[in-house]
Structures are given as structure tokens and as C-alpha cells.
Amino acid sequence: AKLSKVKDIVLAEMQKLSVEDVKQSDAREALRQRLISAISQIFPSKPDWEDPEPIRKVLFEEFVIQ
């Protein structure tokens, strides 16, 4: 159910980037941190599961620049 929200968050963050941003590793790292923060917001602040931080990493398989 949360997949569409996650996709929307990722697309919104990606639209903020320029081609130059994608080429810079520090900008990609900043994007990772923004995505972790934004996606974490859709989860409950006090979850029923053990781990309070369900998202630890964002991995990019590839960037396609158009």
C-alpha cells in the first residue's frame, strides 16, 4: 500500500536534480539521505515492529539521463 507513496517521493526528489547533480557523488549521497528521511516519514513514529529505523540505505542501480 505504501509503494505508490514511495514512488511519488522518489520521483519528486529526482525531479529536483539537474544533470550535473547526478554526475556528482556528493549530490547523490545527499539525495540518498533526503530519500531516507522522506520515506521514513510515511512509517509510524512508534512502529509495532522491533526496528525503529526500517530504512537504512538507498541503493541506485543506475541513473538514466535524458
N, C-alpha and C. Protein backbone atom coordinates (compact mmCIF):
# COMPACT_ATOMS: atom_id res chain seq x y z
N ALA A 1 0.82 -1.19 0.00
CA ALA A 1 0.00 0.00 0.00
C ALA A 1 0.87 1.27 0.00
N LYS A 2 2.04 1.17 0.58
CA LYS A 2 2.91 2.34 0.66
C LYS A 2 3.81 2.49 -0.56
N LEU A 3 3.81 1.50 -1.43
CA LEU A 3 4.69 1.54 -2.60
C LEU A 3 4.42 2.75 -3.48
N SER A 4 3.16 3.09 -3.70
CA SER A 4 2.87 4.25 -4.54
C SER A 4 3.35 5.54 -3.88
N LYS A 5 3.28 5.64 -2.56
CA LYS A 5 3.79 6.81 -1.85
C LYS A 5 5.30 6.89 -1.99
N VAL A 6 5.98 5.76 -1.87
CA VAL A 6 7.44 5.73 -2.01
C VAL A 6 7.84 6.16 -3.41
N LYS A 7 7.15 5.65 -4.42
CA LYS A 7 7.45 6.04 -5.80
C LYS A 7 7.26 7.54 -6.00
N ASP A 8 6.21 8.08 -5.43
CA ASP A 8 5.93 9.50 -5.56
C ASP A 8 7.04 10.33 -4.90
N ILE A 9 7.48 9.91 -3.73
CA ILE A 9 8.56 10.61 -3.03
C ILE A 9 9.84 10.58 -3.86
N VAL A 10 10.18 9.40 -4.39
CA VAL A 10 11.40 9.27 -5.19
C VAL A 10 11.32 10.15 -6.43
N LEU A 11 10.21 10.11 -7.12
CA LEU A 11 10.06 10.93 -8.33
C LEU A 11 10.15 12.42 -8.01
N ALA A 12 9.53 12.84 -6.93
CA ALA A 12 9.57 14.25 -6.55
C ALA A 12 11.01 14.69 -6.25
N GLU A 13 11.76 13.86 -5.56
CA GLU A 13 13.15 14.20 -5.25
C GLU A 13 14.03 14.18 -6.51
N MET A 14 13.78 13.23 -7.38
CA MET A 14 14.59 13.13 -8.60
C MET A 14 14.34 14.32 -9.52
N GLN A 15 13.13 14.84 -9.54
CA GLN A 15 12.81 15.97 -10.40
C GLN A 15 13.54 17.25 -9.97
N LYS A 16 14.01 17.28 -8.74
CA LYS A 16 14.74 18.45 -8.24
C LYS A 16 16.19 18.47 -8.71
N LEU A 17 16.66 17.36 -9.27
CA LEU A 17 18.07 17.23 -9.65
C LEU A 17 18.33 17.72 -11.07
N SER A 18 19.51 18.24 -11.25
CA SER A 18 19.98 18.57 -12.60
C SER A 18 20.90 17.46 -13.08
N VAL A 19 21.29 17.51 -14.33
CA VAL A 19 22.22 16.52 -14.89
C VAL A 19 23.54 16.60 -14.12
N GLU A 20 23.98 17.79 -13.81
CA GLU A 20 25.23 17.96 -13.07
C GLU A 20 25.15 17.35 -11.67
N ASP A 21 23.98 17.46 -11.03
CA ASP A 21 23.80 16.86 -9.71
C ASP A 21 24.00 15.35 -9.77
N VAL A 22 23.45 14.73 -10.77
CA VAL A 22 23.52 13.27 -10.91
C VAL A 22 24.96 12.82 -11.10
N LYS A 23 25.77 13.64 -11.73
CA LYS A 23 27.16 13.28 -12.01
C LYS A 23 28.05 13.40 -10.76
N GLN A 24 27.62 14.16 -9.77
CA GLN A 24 28.44 14.38 -8.58
C GLN A 24 28.10 13.39 -7.48
N SER A 25 29.11 12.70 -6.97
CA SER A 25 28.85 11.67 -5.95
C SER A 25 28.33 12.28 -4.65
N ASP A 26 28.78 13.47 -4.29
CA ASP A 26 28.28 14.07 -3.05
C ASP A 26 26.81 14.47 -3.18
N ALA A 27 26.38 14.86 -4.36
CA ALA A 27 24.97 15.17 -4.59
C ALA A 27 24.12 13.90 -4.53
N ARG A 28 24.66 12.80 -5.04
CA ARG A 28 23.93 11.53 -4.96
C ARG A 28 23.80 11.08 -3.51
N GLU A 29 24.84 11.31 -2.73
CA GLU A 29 24.78 10.94 -1.31
C GLU A 29 23.74 11.80 -0.58
N ALA A 30 23.69 13.08 -0.90
CA ALA A 30 22.68 13.96 -0.31
C ALA A 30 21.27 13.50 -0.70
N LEU A 31 21.12 13.06 -1.94
CA LEU A 31 19.83 12.53 -2.40
C LEU A 31 19.45 11.30 -1.59
N ARG A 32 20.41 10.41 -1.37
CA ARG A 32 20.14 9.21 -0.56
C ARG A 32 19.60 9.60 0.81
N GLN A 33 20.25 10.56 1.44
CA GLN A 33 19.83 10.97 2.78
C GLN A 33 18.44 11.62 2.76
N ARG A 34 18.17 12.43 1.75
CA ARG A 34 16.83 13.05 1.63
C ARG A 34 15.76 11.98 1.42
N LEU A 35 16.07 10.97 0.61
CA LEU A 35 15.10 9.90 0.37
C LEU A 35 14.84 9.10 1.63
N ILE A 36 15.89 8.77 2.36
CA ILE A 36 15.71 8.03 3.62
C ILE A 36 14.81 8.82 4.56
N SER A 37 15.09 10.10 4.69
CA SER A 37 14.31 10.95 5.58
C SER A 37 12.86 11.06 5.13
N ALA A 38 12.65 11.30 3.84
CA ALA A 38 11.29 11.48 3.32
C ALA A 38 10.48 10.19 3.38
N ILE A 39 11.08 9.08 3.02
CA ILE A 39 10.36 7.80 3.03
C ILE A 39 10.07 7.37 4.45
N SER A 40 10.98 7.64 5.36
CA SER A 40 10.76 7.27 6.77
C SER A 40 9.54 7.96 7.35
N GLN A 41 9.18 9.12 6.80
CA GLN A 41 8.03 9.88 7.30
C GLN A 41 6.70 9.16 7.08
N ILE A 42 6.64 8.24 6.11
CA ILE A 42 5.37 7.55 5.86
C ILE A 42 5.17 6.36 6.80
N PHE A 43 6.20 6.02 7.57
CA PHE A 43 6.08 4.94 8.54
C PHE A 43 5.69 5.52 9.89
N PRO A 44 5.05 4.71 10.74
CA PRO A 44 4.64 5.22 12.06
C PRO A 44 5.86 5.62 12.91
N SER A 45 5.68 6.62 13.77
CA SER A 45 6.79 7.04 14.62
C SER A 45 7.09 6.02 15.71
N LYS A 46 6.08 5.27 16.11
CA LYS A 46 6.28 4.19 17.08
C LYS A 46 5.75 2.89 16.45
N PRO A 47 6.58 2.23 15.64
CA PRO A 47 6.11 1.06 14.92
C PRO A 47 5.89 -0.15 15.83
N ASP A 48 5.09 -1.08 15.32
CA ASP A 48 4.81 -2.32 16.04
C ASP A 48 5.98 -3.29 15.95
N TRP A 49 6.87 -3.08 14.97
CA TRP A 49 7.99 -3.99 14.79
C TRP A 49 9.18 -3.54 15.63
N GLU A 50 10.16 -4.43 15.76
CA GLU A 50 11.32 -4.20 16.61
C GLU A 50 12.19 -3.03 16.18
N ASP A 51 12.51 -2.96 14.91
CA ASP A 51 13.47 -1.97 14.42
C ASP A 51 12.78 -0.63 14.19
N PRO A 52 13.14 0.42 14.93
CA PRO A 52 12.50 1.72 14.75
C PRO A 52 12.95 2.45 13.49
N GLU A 53 14.02 1.97 12.83
CA GLU A 53 14.52 2.58 11.60
C GLU A 53 14.48 1.55 10.47
N PRO A 54 13.33 1.40 9.81
CA PRO A 54 13.22 0.36 8.79
C PRO A 54 14.02 0.64 7.53
N ILE A 55 14.39 1.89 7.29
CA ILE A 55 15.17 2.22 6.09
C ILE A 55 16.55 2.67 6.53
N ARG A 56 17.54 1.92 6.10
CA ARG A 56 18.92 2.26 6.46
C ARG A 56 19.74 2.71 5.27
N LYS A 57 19.33 2.28 4.07
CA LYS A 57 20.14 2.52 2.89
C LYS A 57 19.27 2.69 1.67
N VAL A 58 19.72 3.51 0.75
CA VAL A 58 19.09 3.65 -0.56
C VAL A 58 20.16 3.33 -1.59
N LEU A 59 19.87 2.38 -2.44
CA LEU A 59 20.82 1.97 -3.46
C LEU A 59 20.30 2.35 -4.84
N PHE A 60 21.18 2.91 -5.65
CA PHE A 60 20.83 3.26 -7.02
C PHE A 60 21.47 2.23 -7.94
N GLU A 61 20.65 1.55 -8.70
CA GLU A 61 21.18 0.59 -9.66
C GLU A 61 21.79 1.30 -10.85
N GLU A 62 21.10 2.35 -11.31
CA GLU A 62 21.62 3.13 -12.43
C GLU A 62 20.88 4.46 -12.49
N PHE A 63 21.51 5.42 -13.16
CA PHE A 63 20.88 6.69 -13.44
C PHE A 63 20.78 6.80 -14.95
N VAL A 64 19.59 7.12 -15.44
CA VAL A 64 19.40 7.34 -16.86
C VAL A 64 19.15 8.83 -17.05
N ILE A 65 20.01 9.47 -17.79
CA ILE A 65 19.90 10.90 -18.01
C ILE A 65 19.31 11.15 -19.37
N GLN A 66 18.23 11.93 -19.40
CA GLN A 66 17.58 12.23 -20.66
C GLN A 66 17.67 13.70 -20.99
